Amino acid sequence: MTRTNILLLSVAAAAVLACVLYLAFGYVQLPEVSMGMHGWIALGLGIVLSVIVGGGLSAILIISRRRGYDEAAHNVYREFDPEQRD
């Protein structure tokens, strides 16, 4: 590993540690709050729907790339700037 990579990994690890400590300290400072059944249902539905939408958009991205739908836009840009490389 180069010195730059080690430095970047160290900075990223320090940032993650700082975020975890901040969240842990904030969680301790919160008053005790309970969430009702409707709140848990809404949270669960929100998580499930977010994962479905994210997965669907990712699938559309992969399918459009494999079928070549993106090539038409790329070719127009290549005609506009002929020195552009792939």
N, C-alpha and C. Protein backbone atom coordinates (compact mmCIF):
# COMPACT_ATOMS: atom_id res chain seq x y z
N MET A 1 0.84 -1.19 0.00
CA MET A 1 0.00 0.00 0.00
C MET A 1 0.88 1.25 0.00
N THR A 2 0.40 2.22 -0.71
CA THR A 2 1.16 3.46 -0.75
C THR A 2 0.84 4.29 0.48
N ARG A 3 1.66 5.28 0.69
CA ARG A 3 1.47 6.15 1.85
C ARG A 3 0.15 6.91 1.77
N THR A 4 -0.25 7.29 0.55
CA THR A 4 -1.51 8.02 0.36
C THR A 4 -2.70 7.14 0.72
N ASN A 5 -2.66 5.87 0.30
CA ASN A 5 -3.77 4.96 0.63
C ASN A 5 -3.90 4.76 2.12
N ILE A 6 -2.77 4.60 2.79
CA ILE A 6 -2.80 4.42 4.25
C ILE A 6 -3.37 5.66 4.92
N LEU A 7 -2.98 6.82 4.45
CA LEU A 7 -3.49 8.07 5.02
C LEU A 7 -4.99 8.19 4.79
N LEU A 8 -5.45 7.88 3.58
CA LEU A 8 -6.88 7.97 3.28
C LEU A 8 -7.69 6.97 4.12
N LEU A 9 -7.17 5.76 4.28
CA LEU A 9 -7.87 4.76 5.11
C LEU A 9 -7.90 5.19 6.57
N SER A 10 -6.84 5.79 7.03
CA SER A 10 -6.81 6.27 8.41
C SER A 10 -7.82 7.39 8.64
N VAL A 11 -7.90 8.31 7.69
CA VAL A 11 -8.86 9.41 7.80
C VAL A 11 -10.29 8.88 7.74
N ALA A 12 -10.55 7.92 6.85
CA ALA A 12 -11.89 7.34 6.75
C ALA A 12 -12.25 6.59 8.03
N ALA A 13 -11.31 5.83 8.59
CA ALA A 13 -11.57 5.11 9.83
C ALA A 13 -11.83 6.07 10.98
N ALA A 14 -11.08 7.16 11.04
CA ALA A 14 -11.29 8.16 12.08
C ALA A 14 -12.66 8.83 11.93
N ALA A 15 -13.08 9.09 10.71
CA ALA A 15 -14.38 9.70 10.47
C ALA A 15 -15.51 8.76 10.89
N VAL A 16 -15.38 7.49 10.56
CA VAL A 16 -16.40 6.51 10.96
C VAL A 16 -16.46 6.40 12.48
N LEU A 17 -15.30 6.35 13.13
CA LEU A 17 -15.26 6.27 14.58
C LEU A 17 -15.88 7.51 15.22
N ALA A 18 -15.60 8.68 14.66
CA ALA A 18 -16.19 9.91 15.19
C ALA A 18 -17.71 9.89 15.06
N CYS A 19 -18.22 9.40 13.93
CA CYS A 19 -19.67 9.32 13.73
C CYS A 19 -20.31 8.34 14.71
N VAL A 20 -19.67 7.20 14.92
CA VAL A 20 -20.20 6.21 15.86
C VAL A 20 -20.22 6.77 17.27
N LEU A 21 -19.15 7.43 17.68
CA LEU A 21 -19.11 8.03 19.01
C LEU A 21 -20.17 9.12 19.17
N TYR A 22 -20.35 9.93 18.14
CA TYR A 22 -21.36 10.99 18.19
C TYR A 22 -22.76 10.39 18.33
N LEU A 23 -23.05 9.34 17.54
CA LEU A 23 -24.36 8.72 17.62
C LEU A 23 -24.56 8.02 18.96
N ALA A 24 -23.53 7.36 19.47
CA ALA A 24 -23.65 6.68 20.76
C ALA A 24 -23.88 7.69 21.87
N PHE A 25 -23.16 8.80 21.86
CA PHE A 25 -23.35 9.82 22.89
C PHE A 25 -24.73 10.46 22.78
N GLY A 26 -25.18 10.71 21.55
CA GLY A 26 -26.51 11.28 21.35
C GLY A 26 -27.61 10.34 21.80
N TYR A 27 -27.42 9.04 21.59
CA TYR A 27 -28.43 8.06 21.99
C TYR A 27 -28.56 8.02 23.51
N VAL A 28 -27.46 8.17 24.21
CA VAL A 28 -27.50 8.16 25.67
C VAL A 28 -28.22 9.39 26.19
N GLN A 29 -28.10 10.49 25.51
CA GLN A 29 -28.70 11.75 25.95
C GLN A 29 -30.19 11.86 25.65
N LEU A 30 -30.72 11.00 24.81
CA LEU A 30 -32.13 11.08 24.45
C LEU A 30 -33.01 10.64 25.61
N PRO A 31 -34.15 11.30 25.76
CA PRO A 31 -35.10 10.81 26.76
C PRO A 31 -35.72 9.51 26.28
N GLU A 32 -36.27 8.75 27.19
CA GLU A 32 -36.87 7.48 26.81
C GLU A 32 -38.17 7.73 26.05
N VAL A 33 -38.21 7.25 24.85
CA VAL A 33 -39.37 7.42 23.98
C VAL A 33 -39.77 6.04 23.47
N SER A 34 -41.06 5.78 23.48
CA SER A 34 -41.53 4.51 22.95
C SER A 34 -42.29 4.76 21.65
N MET A 35 -42.25 3.78 20.77
CA MET A 35 -42.94 3.90 19.51
C MET A 35 -44.07 2.88 19.49
N GLY A 36 -45.25 3.32 19.08
CA GLY A 36 -46.41 2.44 19.03
C GLY A 36 -46.35 1.48 17.85
N MET A 37 -47.34 0.63 17.80
CA MET A 37 -47.40 -0.38 16.74
C MET A 37 -47.48 0.25 15.36
N HIS A 38 -48.24 1.34 15.23
CA HIS A 38 -48.37 2.00 13.92
C HIS A 38 -47.03 2.57 13.47
N GLY A 39 -46.24 3.05 14.39
CA GLY A 39 -44.92 3.57 14.05
C GLY A 39 -44.00 2.48 13.54
N TRP A 40 -44.02 1.30 14.18
CA TRP A 40 -43.20 0.18 13.74
C TRP A 40 -43.64 -0.33 12.37
N ILE A 41 -44.95 -0.34 12.15
CA ILE A 41 -45.46 -0.77 10.84
C ILE A 41 -45.01 0.22 9.76
N ALA A 42 -45.13 1.50 10.04
CA ALA A 42 -44.71 2.51 9.06
C ALA A 42 -43.21 2.42 8.80
N LEU A 43 -42.42 2.20 9.84
CA LEU A 43 -40.98 2.06 9.66
C LEU A 43 -40.64 0.84 8.81
N GLY A 44 -41.28 -0.28 9.09
CA GLY A 44 -41.04 -1.50 8.32
C GLY A 44 -41.44 -1.34 6.87
N LEU A 45 -42.61 -0.74 6.63
CA LEU A 45 -43.05 -0.52 5.25
C LEU A 45 -42.12 0.44 4.51
N GLY A 46 -41.65 1.45 5.20
CA GLY A 46 -40.72 2.39 4.58
C GLY A 46 -39.42 1.71 4.18
N ILE A 47 -38.91 0.85 5.04
CA ILE A 47 -37.67 0.14 4.73
C ILE A 47 -37.87 -0.80 3.56
N VAL A 48 -38.95 -1.57 3.59
CA VAL A 48 -39.21 -2.55 2.53
C VAL A 48 -39.41 -1.84 1.19
N LEU A 49 -40.19 -0.78 1.17
CA LEU A 49 -40.44 -0.06 -0.08
C LEU A 49 -39.17 0.61 -0.61
N SER A 50 -38.33 1.12 0.29
CA SER A 50 -37.07 1.74 -0.15
C SER A 50 -36.15 0.71 -0.78
N VAL A 51 -36.09 -0.48 -0.20
CA VAL A 51 -35.26 -1.54 -0.78
C VAL A 51 -35.81 -1.98 -2.13
N ILE A 52 -37.13 -2.08 -2.25
CA ILE A 52 -37.75 -2.47 -3.52
C ILE A 52 -37.47 -1.42 -4.60
N VAL A 53 -37.63 -0.16 -4.27
CA VAL A 53 -37.38 0.90 -5.26
C VAL A 53 -35.91 0.94 -5.65
N GLY A 54 -35.01 0.82 -4.68
CA GLY A 54 -33.58 0.81 -4.99
C GLY A 54 -33.19 -0.38 -5.85
N GLY A 55 -33.73 -1.56 -5.53
CA GLY A 55 -33.45 -2.75 -6.33
C GLY A 55 -34.01 -2.63 -7.73
N GLY A 56 -35.22 -2.09 -7.84
CA GLY A 56 -35.83 -1.91 -9.17
C GLY A 56 -35.06 -0.95 -10.03
N LEU A 57 -34.62 0.17 -9.46
CA LEU A 57 -33.84 1.13 -10.23
C LEU A 57 -32.49 0.55 -10.64
N SER A 58 -31.88 -0.22 -9.76
CA SER A 58 -30.61 -0.87 -10.11
C SER A 58 -30.81 -1.87 -11.23
N ALA A 59 -31.90 -2.63 -11.17
CA ALA A 59 -32.18 -3.61 -12.22
C ALA A 59 -32.42 -2.92 -13.56
N ILE A 60 -33.15 -1.82 -13.54
CA ILE A 60 -33.38 -1.07 -14.78
C ILE A 60 -32.07 -0.55 -15.35
N LEU A 61 -31.18 -0.08 -14.49
CA LEU A 61 -29.88 0.41 -14.94
C LEU A 61 -29.08 -0.70 -15.60
N ILE A 62 -29.05 -1.87 -14.99
CA ILE A 62 -28.28 -2.99 -15.54
C ILE A 62 -28.90 -3.47 -16.84
N ILE A 63 -30.22 -3.60 -16.88
CA ILE A 63 -30.90 -4.08 -18.09
C ILE A 63 -30.68 -3.11 -19.25
N SER A 64 -30.80 -1.81 -18.99
CA SER A 64 -30.64 -0.85 -20.08
C SER A 64 -29.21 -0.84 -20.59
N ARG A 65 -28.25 -1.06 -19.71
CA ARG A 65 -26.85 -1.11 -20.15
C ARG A 65 -26.59 -2.35 -20.99
N ARG A 66 -27.12 -3.49 -20.59
CA ARG A 66 -26.89 -4.74 -21.32
C ARG A 66 -27.58 -4.76 -22.68
N ARG A 67 -28.73 -4.11 -22.78
CA ARG A 67 -29.46 -4.11 -24.05
C ARG A 67 -29.02 -2.99 -24.98
N GLY A 68 -28.13 -2.13 -24.52
CA GLY A 68 -27.57 -1.10 -25.39
C GLY A 68 -28.39 0.16 -25.50
N TYR A 69 -29.33 0.39 -24.59
CA TYR A 69 -30.13 1.62 -24.67
C TYR A 69 -29.29 2.86 -24.39
N ASP A 70 -28.20 2.71 -23.68
CA ASP A 70 -27.35 3.86 -23.36
C ASP A 70 -26.43 4.24 -24.51
N GLU A 71 -26.25 3.35 -25.46
CA GLU A 71 -25.32 3.61 -26.55
C GLU A 71 -25.77 4.76 -27.44
N ALA A 72 -27.06 4.91 -27.64
CA ALA A 72 -27.55 6.00 -28.51
C ALA A 72 -27.15 7.36 -27.96
N ALA A 73 -27.31 7.55 -26.67
CA ALA A 73 -26.91 8.81 -26.06
C ALA A 73 -25.39 8.98 -26.12
N HIS A 74 -24.67 7.89 -25.95
CA HIS A 74 -23.21 7.96 -26.01
C HIS A 74 -22.74 8.31 -27.41
N ASN A 75 -23.38 7.75 -28.42
CA ASN A 75 -23.00 8.06 -29.79
C ASN A 75 -23.27 9.51 -30.15
N VAL A 76 -24.35 10.08 -29.67
CA VAL A 76 -24.65 11.49 -29.92
C VAL A 76 -23.56 12.35 -29.31
N TYR A 77 -23.14 12.01 -28.11
CA TYR A 77 -22.08 12.78 -27.47
C TYR A 77 -20.76 12.62 -28.21
N ARG A 78 -20.50 11.42 -28.73
CA ARG A 78 -19.27 11.17 -29.49
C ARG A 78 -19.27 11.99 -30.78
N GLU A 79 -20.41 12.14 -31.44
CA GLU A 79 -20.49 12.96 -32.64
C GLU A 79 -20.26 14.42 -32.31
N PHE A 80 -20.68 14.83 -31.13
CA PHE A 80 -20.52 16.21 -30.69
C PHE A 80 -19.06 16.50 -30.34
N ASP A 81 -18.35 15.51 -29.76
CA ASP A 81 -16.96 15.64 -29.38
C ASP A 81 -16.21 14.41 -29.88
N PRO A 82 -15.69 14.43 -31.11
CA PRO A 82 -15.09 13.24 -31.71
C PRO A 82 -13.82 12.76 -31.01
N GLU A 83 -13.16 13.59 -30.23
CA GLU A 83 -11.95 13.17 -29.55
C GLU A 83 -12.23 12.43 -28.24
N GLN A 84 -13.47 12.32 -27.88
CA GLN A 84 -13.86 11.63 -26.64
C GLN A 84 -13.57 10.14 -26.77
N ARG A 85 -12.92 9.56 -25.76
CA ARG A 85 -12.63 8.13 -25.75
C ARG A 85 -13.63 7.41 -24.88
N ASP A 86 -13.79 6.11 -25.11
CA ASP A 86 -14.74 5.30 -24.33
C ASP A 86 -14.28 5.13 -22.92
